[in-house]
């Protein structure tokens, strides 16, 4: 697992915390959730990074993203 907040590459996968799939009724979906992102960087190395993302972040899988520091922790944003 890497602690770097400056990773850019293709988002390979998002791993949600266990038990969250059945808990959506009890969770505030407007708030970011801690997840683990797998990002393949330019060198072909897959980095595993803890990030805070919204529930709709699955649309980023397969796209180029970069990590960004925020008050809530490290977030994912589309790469430009």
Foldseek 3Di string as FASTA:
>chain_A
DDADQWFKAAWADKAADPPVVVCPVVDDQVFWGWIWIWGQGPVRDTDTYIETGGPVCVVRHGAIWTWDQDPVGIHIDGDD
